[in-house]
N, C-alpha and C. Protein backbone atom coordinates (compact mmCIF):
# COMPACT_ATOMS: atom_id res chain seq x y z
N MET A 1 10.87 20.64 1.52
CA MET A 1 11.04 19.45 0.72
C MET A 1 10.26 19.59 -0.59
N ALA A 2 10.83 19.10 -1.65
CA ALA A 2 10.21 19.20 -2.97
C ALA A 2 9.04 18.23 -3.12
N ILE A 3 8.17 18.55 -4.04
CA ILE A 3 7.06 17.69 -4.43
C ILE A 3 7.32 17.25 -5.86
N ARG A 4 7.18 15.98 -6.12
CA ARG A 4 7.33 15.46 -7.49
C ARG A 4 5.96 15.45 -8.15
N ILE A 5 5.86 15.98 -9.35
CA ILE A 5 4.65 15.86 -10.15
C ILE A 5 4.97 14.95 -11.32
N LEU A 6 4.28 13.83 -11.38
CA LEU A 6 4.44 12.88 -12.47
C LEU A 6 3.29 13.07 -13.45
N VAL A 7 3.62 13.39 -14.68
CA VAL A 7 2.62 13.67 -15.71
C VAL A 7 2.39 12.41 -16.54
N THR A 8 1.12 12.04 -16.68
CA THR A 8 0.80 10.86 -17.50
C THR A 8 -0.17 11.18 -18.64
N GLY A 9 -0.68 12.39 -18.71
CA GLY A 9 -1.59 12.75 -19.79
C GLY A 9 -3.01 12.94 -19.30
N GLY A 10 -3.94 12.30 -19.97
CA GLY A 10 -5.34 12.46 -19.63
C GLY A 10 -5.90 13.75 -20.21
N THR A 11 -7.16 13.99 -19.94
CA THR A 11 -7.83 15.18 -20.46
C THR A 11 -7.11 16.46 -20.07
N PHE A 12 -6.49 16.46 -18.91
CA PHE A 12 -5.74 17.62 -18.42
C PHE A 12 -4.80 18.17 -19.49
N ASP A 13 -4.13 17.27 -20.22
CA ASP A 13 -3.12 17.68 -21.19
C ASP A 13 -3.58 17.63 -22.64
N LYS A 14 -4.82 17.36 -22.90
CA LYS A 14 -5.28 17.32 -24.29
C LYS A 14 -5.50 18.72 -24.84
N GLN A 15 -5.25 18.83 -26.13
CA GLN A 15 -5.48 20.08 -26.85
C GLN A 15 -6.27 19.78 -28.11
N TYR A 16 -6.96 20.79 -28.61
CA TYR A 16 -7.79 20.60 -29.78
C TYR A 16 -6.91 20.62 -31.03
N ASP A 17 -7.01 19.57 -31.83
CA ASP A 17 -6.29 19.49 -33.10
C ASP A 17 -7.24 20.00 -34.18
N GLU A 18 -6.99 21.22 -34.64
CA GLU A 18 -7.89 21.88 -35.60
C GLU A 18 -7.97 21.13 -36.93
N VAL A 19 -6.88 20.50 -37.35
CA VAL A 19 -6.84 19.80 -38.63
C VAL A 19 -7.73 18.56 -38.60
N ARG A 20 -7.61 17.78 -37.53
CA ARG A 20 -8.38 16.54 -37.43
C ARG A 20 -9.72 16.72 -36.73
N GLY A 21 -9.88 17.83 -36.01
CA GLY A 21 -11.11 18.06 -35.27
C GLY A 21 -11.24 17.14 -34.08
N THR A 22 -10.11 16.76 -33.49
CA THR A 22 -10.10 15.85 -32.35
C THR A 22 -9.23 16.42 -31.24
N LEU A 23 -9.31 15.78 -30.08
CA LEU A 23 -8.43 16.13 -28.98
C LEU A 23 -7.17 15.26 -29.08
N ALA A 24 -6.02 15.88 -28.90
CA ALA A 24 -4.75 15.17 -29.03
C ALA A 24 -3.73 15.72 -28.04
N PHE A 25 -2.62 15.03 -27.91
CA PHE A 25 -1.55 15.46 -27.03
C PHE A 25 -0.43 16.11 -27.84
N ARG A 26 0.09 17.23 -27.34
CA ARG A 26 1.27 17.87 -27.91
C ARG A 26 2.36 17.95 -26.87
N GLU A 27 1.99 18.49 -25.71
CA GLU A 27 2.91 18.64 -24.59
C GLU A 27 2.08 18.78 -23.32
N THR A 28 2.73 18.69 -22.19
CA THR A 28 1.99 18.84 -20.94
C THR A 28 1.65 20.31 -20.69
N ASN A 29 0.56 20.52 -20.01
CA ASN A 29 0.14 21.86 -19.60
C ASN A 29 0.54 22.18 -18.17
N VAL A 30 1.17 21.24 -17.48
CA VAL A 30 1.44 21.39 -16.06
C VAL A 30 2.26 22.64 -15.76
N GLU A 31 3.32 22.90 -16.51
CA GLU A 31 4.15 24.09 -16.25
C GLU A 31 3.32 25.37 -16.41
N HIS A 32 2.45 25.42 -17.41
CA HIS A 32 1.58 26.59 -17.61
C HIS A 32 0.61 26.76 -16.44
N VAL A 33 0.07 25.66 -15.96
CA VAL A 33 -0.86 25.69 -14.84
C VAL A 33 -0.16 26.20 -13.58
N LEU A 34 1.04 25.69 -13.33
CA LEU A 34 1.79 26.14 -12.15
C LEU A 34 2.09 27.63 -12.22
N ALA A 35 2.48 28.11 -13.40
CA ALA A 35 2.77 29.53 -13.56
C ALA A 35 1.50 30.36 -13.40
N ARG A 36 0.42 29.92 -14.03
CA ARG A 36 -0.85 30.67 -13.95
C ARG A 36 -1.37 30.72 -12.52
N GLY A 37 -1.18 29.62 -11.79
CA GLY A 37 -1.63 29.55 -10.40
C GLY A 37 -0.65 30.20 -9.43
N ARG A 38 0.43 30.75 -9.96
CA ARG A 38 1.46 31.41 -9.15
C ARG A 38 1.98 30.49 -8.05
N CYS A 39 2.22 29.24 -8.42
CA CYS A 39 2.72 28.25 -7.48
C CYS A 39 4.11 28.63 -7.00
N ARG A 40 4.30 28.65 -5.71
CA ARG A 40 5.59 28.99 -5.11
C ARG A 40 6.22 27.80 -4.39
N LEU A 41 5.67 26.62 -4.63
CA LEU A 41 6.21 25.40 -4.04
C LEU A 41 7.43 24.93 -4.83
N ASP A 42 8.28 24.18 -4.18
CA ASP A 42 9.41 23.54 -4.84
C ASP A 42 8.89 22.25 -5.47
N VAL A 43 8.61 22.30 -6.78
CA VAL A 43 8.07 21.13 -7.48
C VAL A 43 9.04 20.69 -8.57
N ARG A 44 9.07 19.40 -8.79
CA ARG A 44 9.87 18.81 -9.87
C ARG A 44 8.89 18.09 -10.78
N VAL A 45 8.76 18.57 -12.01
CA VAL A 45 7.81 18.00 -12.97
C VAL A 45 8.55 16.98 -13.84
N GLU A 46 7.98 15.79 -13.94
CA GLU A 46 8.54 14.72 -14.75
C GLU A 46 7.43 14.18 -15.66
N VAL A 47 7.63 14.28 -16.95
CA VAL A 47 6.66 13.75 -17.90
C VAL A 47 6.99 12.28 -18.15
N LEU A 48 6.10 11.40 -17.70
CA LEU A 48 6.28 9.97 -17.93
C LEU A 48 5.71 9.54 -19.27
N MET A 49 4.56 10.10 -19.60
CA MET A 49 3.84 9.75 -20.82
C MET A 49 2.72 10.75 -21.03
N LEU A 50 2.19 10.79 -22.22
CA LEU A 50 1.00 11.59 -22.52
C LEU A 50 0.02 10.65 -23.22
N VAL A 51 -0.83 10.00 -22.42
CA VAL A 51 -1.78 9.03 -22.95
C VAL A 51 -3.17 9.27 -22.38
N ASP A 52 -4.16 8.87 -23.13
CA ASP A 52 -5.53 8.83 -22.63
C ASP A 52 -5.61 7.63 -21.69
N SER A 53 -6.17 7.82 -20.51
CA SER A 53 -6.16 6.73 -19.53
C SER A 53 -6.95 5.50 -20.00
N LEU A 54 -7.89 5.68 -20.91
CA LEU A 54 -8.61 4.52 -21.45
C LEU A 54 -7.72 3.67 -22.33
N GLU A 55 -6.63 4.25 -22.82
CA GLU A 55 -5.68 3.52 -23.67
C GLU A 55 -4.42 3.12 -22.91
N MET A 56 -4.37 3.39 -21.61
CA MET A 56 -3.20 3.07 -20.82
C MET A 56 -3.05 1.56 -20.68
N THR A 57 -1.83 1.08 -20.91
CA THR A 57 -1.54 -0.35 -20.81
C THR A 57 -1.10 -0.72 -19.40
N ALA A 58 -1.09 -1.99 -19.12
CA ALA A 58 -0.60 -2.48 -17.82
C ALA A 58 0.87 -2.10 -17.64
N GLU A 59 1.63 -2.12 -18.72
CA GLU A 59 3.05 -1.75 -18.65
C GLU A 59 3.20 -0.27 -18.31
N GLN A 60 2.37 0.59 -18.88
CA GLN A 60 2.42 2.01 -18.56
C GLN A 60 2.02 2.26 -17.11
N ARG A 61 1.01 1.55 -16.65
CA ARG A 61 0.58 1.69 -15.26
C ARG A 61 1.71 1.24 -14.32
N ALA A 62 2.40 0.17 -14.67
CA ALA A 62 3.53 -0.30 -13.87
C ALA A 62 4.65 0.73 -13.88
N ALA A 63 4.84 1.43 -14.99
CA ALA A 63 5.87 2.48 -15.07
C ALA A 63 5.54 3.63 -14.12
N ILE A 64 4.27 3.94 -13.95
CA ILE A 64 3.86 4.98 -13.01
C ILE A 64 4.19 4.54 -11.58
N VAL A 65 3.89 3.30 -11.27
CA VAL A 65 4.20 2.78 -9.93
C VAL A 65 5.71 2.84 -9.69
N ARG A 66 6.51 2.41 -10.67
CA ARG A 66 7.97 2.45 -10.52
C ARG A 66 8.47 3.87 -10.33
N ALA A 67 7.90 4.82 -11.06
CA ALA A 67 8.33 6.22 -10.94
C ALA A 67 8.00 6.77 -9.55
N CYS A 68 6.84 6.42 -9.03
CA CYS A 68 6.48 6.84 -7.66
C CYS A 68 7.47 6.28 -6.66
N ALA A 69 7.84 5.02 -6.82
CA ALA A 69 8.76 4.38 -5.90
C ALA A 69 10.18 4.93 -6.03
N ALA A 70 10.60 5.24 -7.26
CA ALA A 70 11.99 5.62 -7.51
C ALA A 70 12.30 7.07 -7.17
N CYS A 71 11.33 7.95 -7.24
CA CYS A 71 11.64 9.36 -7.01
C CYS A 71 12.01 9.58 -5.54
N PRO A 72 12.94 10.51 -5.28
CA PRO A 72 13.37 10.72 -3.90
C PRO A 72 12.35 11.45 -3.03
N GLU A 73 11.40 12.13 -3.64
CA GLU A 73 10.42 12.90 -2.88
C GLU A 73 9.42 11.96 -2.20
N SER A 74 8.98 12.35 -1.01
CA SER A 74 7.98 11.56 -0.29
C SER A 74 6.56 12.06 -0.56
N GLN A 75 6.45 13.16 -1.28
CA GLN A 75 5.15 13.72 -1.67
C GLN A 75 5.09 13.75 -3.19
N VAL A 76 4.10 13.04 -3.75
CA VAL A 76 4.01 12.86 -5.20
C VAL A 76 2.59 13.16 -5.66
N VAL A 77 2.49 13.97 -6.71
CA VAL A 77 1.21 14.23 -7.38
C VAL A 77 1.31 13.60 -8.76
N VAL A 78 0.28 12.85 -9.15
CA VAL A 78 0.23 12.22 -10.47
C VAL A 78 -0.94 12.82 -11.24
N THR A 79 -0.65 13.47 -12.37
CA THR A 79 -1.75 13.92 -13.23
C THR A 79 -2.13 12.74 -14.11
N HIS A 80 -3.44 12.52 -14.25
CA HIS A 80 -3.91 11.26 -14.84
C HIS A 80 -5.28 11.47 -15.45
N GLY A 81 -5.61 10.70 -16.44
CA GLY A 81 -6.96 10.71 -16.99
C GLY A 81 -7.95 10.20 -15.96
N THR A 82 -9.14 10.76 -15.97
CA THR A 82 -10.11 10.44 -14.93
C THR A 82 -10.78 9.07 -15.09
N ASP A 83 -10.80 8.53 -16.30
CA ASP A 83 -11.53 7.28 -16.52
C ASP A 83 -10.92 6.08 -15.81
N THR A 84 -9.59 6.03 -15.70
CA THR A 84 -8.96 4.89 -15.03
C THR A 84 -8.05 5.34 -13.88
N MET A 85 -8.29 6.52 -13.37
CA MET A 85 -7.49 7.05 -12.27
C MET A 85 -7.53 6.14 -11.05
N VAL A 86 -8.68 5.62 -10.71
CA VAL A 86 -8.82 4.77 -9.53
C VAL A 86 -8.05 3.46 -9.73
N GLU A 87 -8.02 2.94 -10.94
CA GLU A 87 -7.27 1.72 -11.22
C GLU A 87 -5.78 1.94 -10.99
N THR A 88 -5.25 3.07 -11.43
CA THR A 88 -3.84 3.38 -11.20
C THR A 88 -3.58 3.62 -9.72
N ALA A 89 -4.49 4.29 -9.04
CA ALA A 89 -4.35 4.50 -7.60
C ALA A 89 -4.26 3.16 -6.88
N ARG A 90 -5.07 2.19 -7.30
CA ARG A 90 -5.04 0.85 -6.71
C ARG A 90 -3.67 0.21 -6.91
N ALA A 91 -3.10 0.34 -8.10
CA ALA A 91 -1.78 -0.24 -8.39
C ALA A 91 -0.70 0.40 -7.53
N ILE A 92 -0.77 1.72 -7.36
CA ILE A 92 0.21 2.41 -6.52
C ILE A 92 0.06 1.97 -5.06
N ALA A 93 -1.17 1.88 -4.60
CA ALA A 93 -1.41 1.45 -3.21
C ALA A 93 -0.88 0.04 -2.97
N ALA A 94 -1.01 -0.83 -3.95
CA ALA A 94 -0.53 -2.21 -3.81
C ALA A 94 0.98 -2.27 -3.63
N ALA A 95 1.70 -1.23 -4.07
CA ALA A 95 3.15 -1.19 -3.92
C ALA A 95 3.57 -0.91 -2.48
N GLY A 96 2.65 -0.41 -1.66
CA GLY A 96 2.93 -0.18 -0.24
C GLY A 96 4.03 0.84 0.02
N LEU A 97 4.03 1.91 -0.74
CA LEU A 97 5.06 2.95 -0.59
C LEU A 97 4.85 3.76 0.68
N ALA A 98 5.91 4.17 1.29
CA ALA A 98 5.84 5.05 2.47
C ALA A 98 5.88 6.50 2.01
N LYS A 99 4.94 6.85 1.14
CA LYS A 99 4.86 8.18 0.55
C LYS A 99 3.40 8.63 0.51
N THR A 100 3.20 9.92 0.34
CA THR A 100 1.87 10.45 0.08
C THR A 100 1.76 10.67 -1.41
N VAL A 101 0.84 9.97 -2.05
CA VAL A 101 0.65 10.05 -3.49
C VAL A 101 -0.79 10.50 -3.75
N VAL A 102 -0.94 11.59 -4.49
CA VAL A 102 -2.27 12.12 -4.81
C VAL A 102 -2.42 12.16 -6.33
N LEU A 103 -3.44 11.49 -6.84
CA LEU A 103 -3.75 11.51 -8.26
C LEU A 103 -4.82 12.56 -8.52
N THR A 104 -4.67 13.28 -9.62
CA THR A 104 -5.66 14.29 -9.99
C THR A 104 -5.73 14.39 -11.51
N GLY A 105 -6.73 15.07 -11.99
CA GLY A 105 -6.90 15.23 -13.43
C GLY A 105 -7.90 16.33 -13.72
N ALA A 106 -8.54 16.22 -14.88
CA ALA A 106 -9.51 17.23 -15.30
C ALA A 106 -10.61 16.58 -16.12
N MET A 107 -11.79 17.11 -16.00
CA MET A 107 -12.91 16.66 -16.83
C MET A 107 -12.94 17.41 -18.16
N VAL A 108 -12.36 18.63 -18.15
CA VAL A 108 -12.31 19.49 -19.34
C VAL A 108 -10.84 19.83 -19.58
N PRO A 109 -10.37 19.75 -20.83
CA PRO A 109 -8.96 20.07 -21.10
C PRO A 109 -8.58 21.47 -20.62
N TYR A 110 -7.38 21.58 -20.05
CA TYR A 110 -6.88 22.87 -19.58
C TYR A 110 -6.88 23.89 -20.71
N ALA A 111 -6.55 23.46 -21.91
CA ALA A 111 -6.45 24.36 -23.05
C ALA A 111 -7.78 25.03 -23.40
N PHE A 112 -8.90 24.51 -22.91
CA PHE A 112 -10.20 25.09 -23.21
C PHE A 112 -10.51 26.34 -22.40
N GLY A 113 -9.74 26.60 -21.36
CA GLY A 113 -9.95 27.81 -20.56
C GLY A 113 -10.97 27.66 -19.46
N SER A 114 -11.92 26.77 -19.61
CA SER A 114 -12.94 26.56 -18.58
C SER A 114 -12.68 25.27 -17.82
N SER A 115 -11.44 24.82 -17.84
CA SER A 115 -11.08 23.55 -17.24
C SER A 115 -11.08 23.60 -15.72
N ASP A 116 -11.40 22.47 -15.13
CA ASP A 116 -11.27 22.28 -13.70
C ASP A 116 -9.85 21.88 -13.33
N GLY A 117 -8.98 21.71 -14.31
CA GLY A 117 -7.61 21.24 -14.09
C GLY A 117 -6.79 22.12 -13.18
N LEU A 118 -6.89 23.42 -13.34
CA LEU A 118 -6.12 24.36 -12.50
C LEU A 118 -6.51 24.17 -11.04
N PHE A 119 -7.79 24.15 -10.76
CA PHE A 119 -8.28 23.97 -9.39
C PHE A 119 -7.88 22.61 -8.84
N ASN A 120 -8.02 21.57 -9.66
CA ASN A 120 -7.70 20.22 -9.19
C ASN A 120 -6.22 20.05 -8.90
N LEU A 121 -5.35 20.60 -9.75
CA LEU A 121 -3.92 20.49 -9.48
C LEU A 121 -3.54 21.27 -8.24
N GLY A 122 -4.10 22.46 -8.06
CA GLY A 122 -3.84 23.24 -6.86
C GLY A 122 -4.30 22.51 -5.61
N SER A 123 -5.46 21.90 -5.69
CA SER A 123 -5.97 21.12 -4.55
C SER A 123 -5.05 19.95 -4.25
N ALA A 124 -4.62 19.25 -5.29
CA ALA A 124 -3.75 18.08 -5.11
C ALA A 124 -2.44 18.49 -4.46
N LEU A 125 -1.88 19.63 -4.87
CA LEU A 125 -0.64 20.11 -4.27
C LEU A 125 -0.83 20.44 -2.79
N SER A 126 -1.97 20.96 -2.44
CA SER A 126 -2.26 21.23 -1.02
C SER A 126 -2.46 19.94 -0.24
N PHE A 127 -3.27 19.03 -0.79
CA PHE A 127 -3.55 17.78 -0.10
C PHE A 127 -2.30 16.94 0.10
N VAL A 128 -1.40 16.91 -0.89
CA VAL A 128 -0.20 16.07 -0.77
C VAL A 128 0.69 16.54 0.38
N GLN A 129 0.60 17.81 0.75
CA GLN A 129 1.38 18.34 1.86
C GLN A 129 0.72 18.08 3.22
N ALA A 130 -0.59 17.88 3.22
CA ALA A 130 -1.33 17.80 4.47
C ALA A 130 -1.73 16.38 4.88
N LEU A 131 -1.85 15.48 3.92
CA LEU A 131 -2.32 14.12 4.22
C LEU A 131 -1.17 13.22 4.63
N PRO A 132 -1.47 12.21 5.45
CA PRO A 132 -0.43 11.24 5.83
C PRO A 132 -0.09 10.33 4.65
N ALA A 133 0.96 9.55 4.79
CA ALA A 133 1.35 8.61 3.75
C ALA A 133 0.15 7.75 3.36
N GLY A 134 0.00 7.56 2.07
CA GLY A 134 -1.11 6.80 1.52
C GLY A 134 -1.36 7.23 0.09
N VAL A 135 -2.39 6.69 -0.52
CA VAL A 135 -2.73 7.01 -1.90
C VAL A 135 -4.14 7.59 -1.94
N TYR A 136 -4.26 8.71 -2.64
CA TYR A 136 -5.50 9.48 -2.64
C TYR A 136 -5.83 9.96 -4.05
N VAL A 137 -7.09 10.34 -4.23
CA VAL A 137 -7.56 11.00 -5.44
C VAL A 137 -8.08 12.36 -5.03
N ALA A 138 -7.66 13.41 -5.75
CA ALA A 138 -8.12 14.77 -5.47
C ALA A 138 -8.84 15.31 -6.70
N MET A 139 -10.13 15.53 -6.55
CA MET A 139 -10.94 16.08 -7.63
C MET A 139 -12.05 16.93 -7.01
N ASN A 140 -12.43 17.98 -7.70
CA ASN A 140 -13.57 18.80 -7.29
C ASN A 140 -13.40 19.41 -5.91
N GLY A 141 -12.14 19.70 -5.51
CA GLY A 141 -11.89 20.31 -4.21
C GLY A 141 -11.96 19.36 -3.04
N ARG A 142 -12.08 18.07 -3.32
CA ARG A 142 -12.17 17.07 -2.26
C ARG A 142 -11.05 16.06 -2.43
N TRP A 143 -10.69 15.40 -1.35
CA TRP A 143 -9.77 14.27 -1.44
C TRP A 143 -10.50 13.02 -1.00
N PHE A 144 -10.08 11.90 -1.59
CA PHE A 144 -10.69 10.61 -1.32
C PHE A 144 -9.58 9.57 -1.14
N ALA A 145 -9.75 8.66 -0.22
CA ALA A 145 -8.85 7.51 -0.15
C ALA A 145 -9.03 6.71 -1.43
N TRP A 146 -7.96 6.12 -1.93
CA TRP A 146 -7.99 5.41 -3.21
C TRP A 146 -9.05 4.32 -3.26
N ASP A 147 -9.38 3.72 -2.12
CA ASP A 147 -10.33 2.62 -2.09
C ASP A 147 -11.74 3.06 -1.68
N ASP A 148 -11.97 4.37 -1.68
CA ASP A 148 -13.30 4.89 -1.33
C ASP A 148 -13.69 6.01 -2.30
N VAL A 149 -13.54 5.74 -3.59
CA VAL A 149 -13.85 6.77 -4.58
C VAL A 149 -14.24 6.12 -5.91
N ARG A 150 -15.10 6.82 -6.62
CA ARG A 150 -15.46 6.41 -7.97
C ARG A 150 -15.79 7.65 -8.78
N LYS A 151 -15.68 7.51 -10.08
CA LYS A 151 -16.09 8.59 -10.99
C LYS A 151 -17.57 8.39 -11.30
N ASN A 152 -18.36 9.41 -11.00
CA ASN A 152 -19.78 9.41 -11.34
C ASN A 152 -19.90 10.08 -12.69
N ARG A 153 -20.03 9.28 -13.73
CA ARG A 153 -20.06 9.81 -15.10
C ARG A 153 -21.30 10.67 -15.36
N GLU A 154 -22.41 10.33 -14.74
CA GLU A 154 -23.63 11.11 -14.95
C GLU A 154 -23.51 12.51 -14.36
N ALA A 155 -22.94 12.60 -13.16
CA ALA A 155 -22.79 13.89 -12.49
C ALA A 155 -21.52 14.63 -12.93
N GLY A 156 -20.59 13.90 -13.55
CA GLY A 156 -19.34 14.52 -13.99
C GLY A 156 -18.43 14.91 -12.84
N GLU A 157 -18.41 14.06 -11.79
CA GLU A 157 -17.57 14.35 -10.63
C GLU A 157 -17.20 13.05 -9.93
N PHE A 158 -16.27 13.17 -9.01
CA PHE A 158 -15.87 12.02 -8.20
C PHE A 158 -16.63 12.05 -6.88
N GLU A 159 -16.88 10.86 -6.36
CA GLU A 159 -17.64 10.75 -5.11
C GLU A 159 -17.16 9.56 -4.30
N ALA A 160 -17.43 9.61 -3.01
CA ALA A 160 -17.07 8.51 -2.13
C ALA A 160 -17.98 7.31 -2.38
N LEU A 161 -17.43 6.13 -2.21
CA LEU A 161 -18.23 4.92 -2.33
C LEU A 161 -19.10 4.70 -1.10
N LEU A 162 -18.50 5.01 0.06
CA LEU A 162 -19.18 4.79 1.33
C LEU A 162 -19.90 6.06 1.77
N PRO A 163 -21.11 5.94 2.29
CA PRO A 163 -21.82 7.14 2.77
C PRO A 163 -21.10 7.77 3.97
N GLY A 164 -21.20 9.10 4.05
CA GLY A 164 -20.63 9.79 5.21
C GLY A 164 -19.41 10.45 4.90
C-alpha cells in the first residue's frame, strides 16, 4: 500500500536566498531526500503549500486536515515547520481519521547539508508503517503521540510532556 506525503513547507524546504540573505521557499526538497535516502517505498508526494509554520493560517491548517481525510492512503506523512507542528497535529487528531498520520520536519534546512530532515523523514516513513491509527510527531529518531509532545527550543529537540 502506498504512503501519502503531504508537503507544507517549514524549515525542511527552505533554501538560502543569496540576493536577500534570507531563507525562502523555491520548491520542495522531499523528492531529493527520498532519492538520496534510496527510498524504495511506494510514496505519493503532494505539495499542499510551502509556508513557514509561524505564518500558517487557520485556513491552511484546515486544508491540511482536509487533504489527510481526502487522500485514499491510510498512512500519511506530513512535512511541516517545527514551530506549530503540534498545533496542526491537534487539528488532524480532532478530525478523528481512521488513518496513521505522522508529522515531521527539520530544525536545519535540508539545503544546508547538515540537516536533520533526511533522518526525520526516514524515521517518519518507518513509523507511519509501524504505528496504529492515530496522529504522531516524529523528530530526532523518536515518535510521540500528538498530545504528549512539545518543542524544546532551548535544547533544539522535541520531547514528551509526560515523564517516562
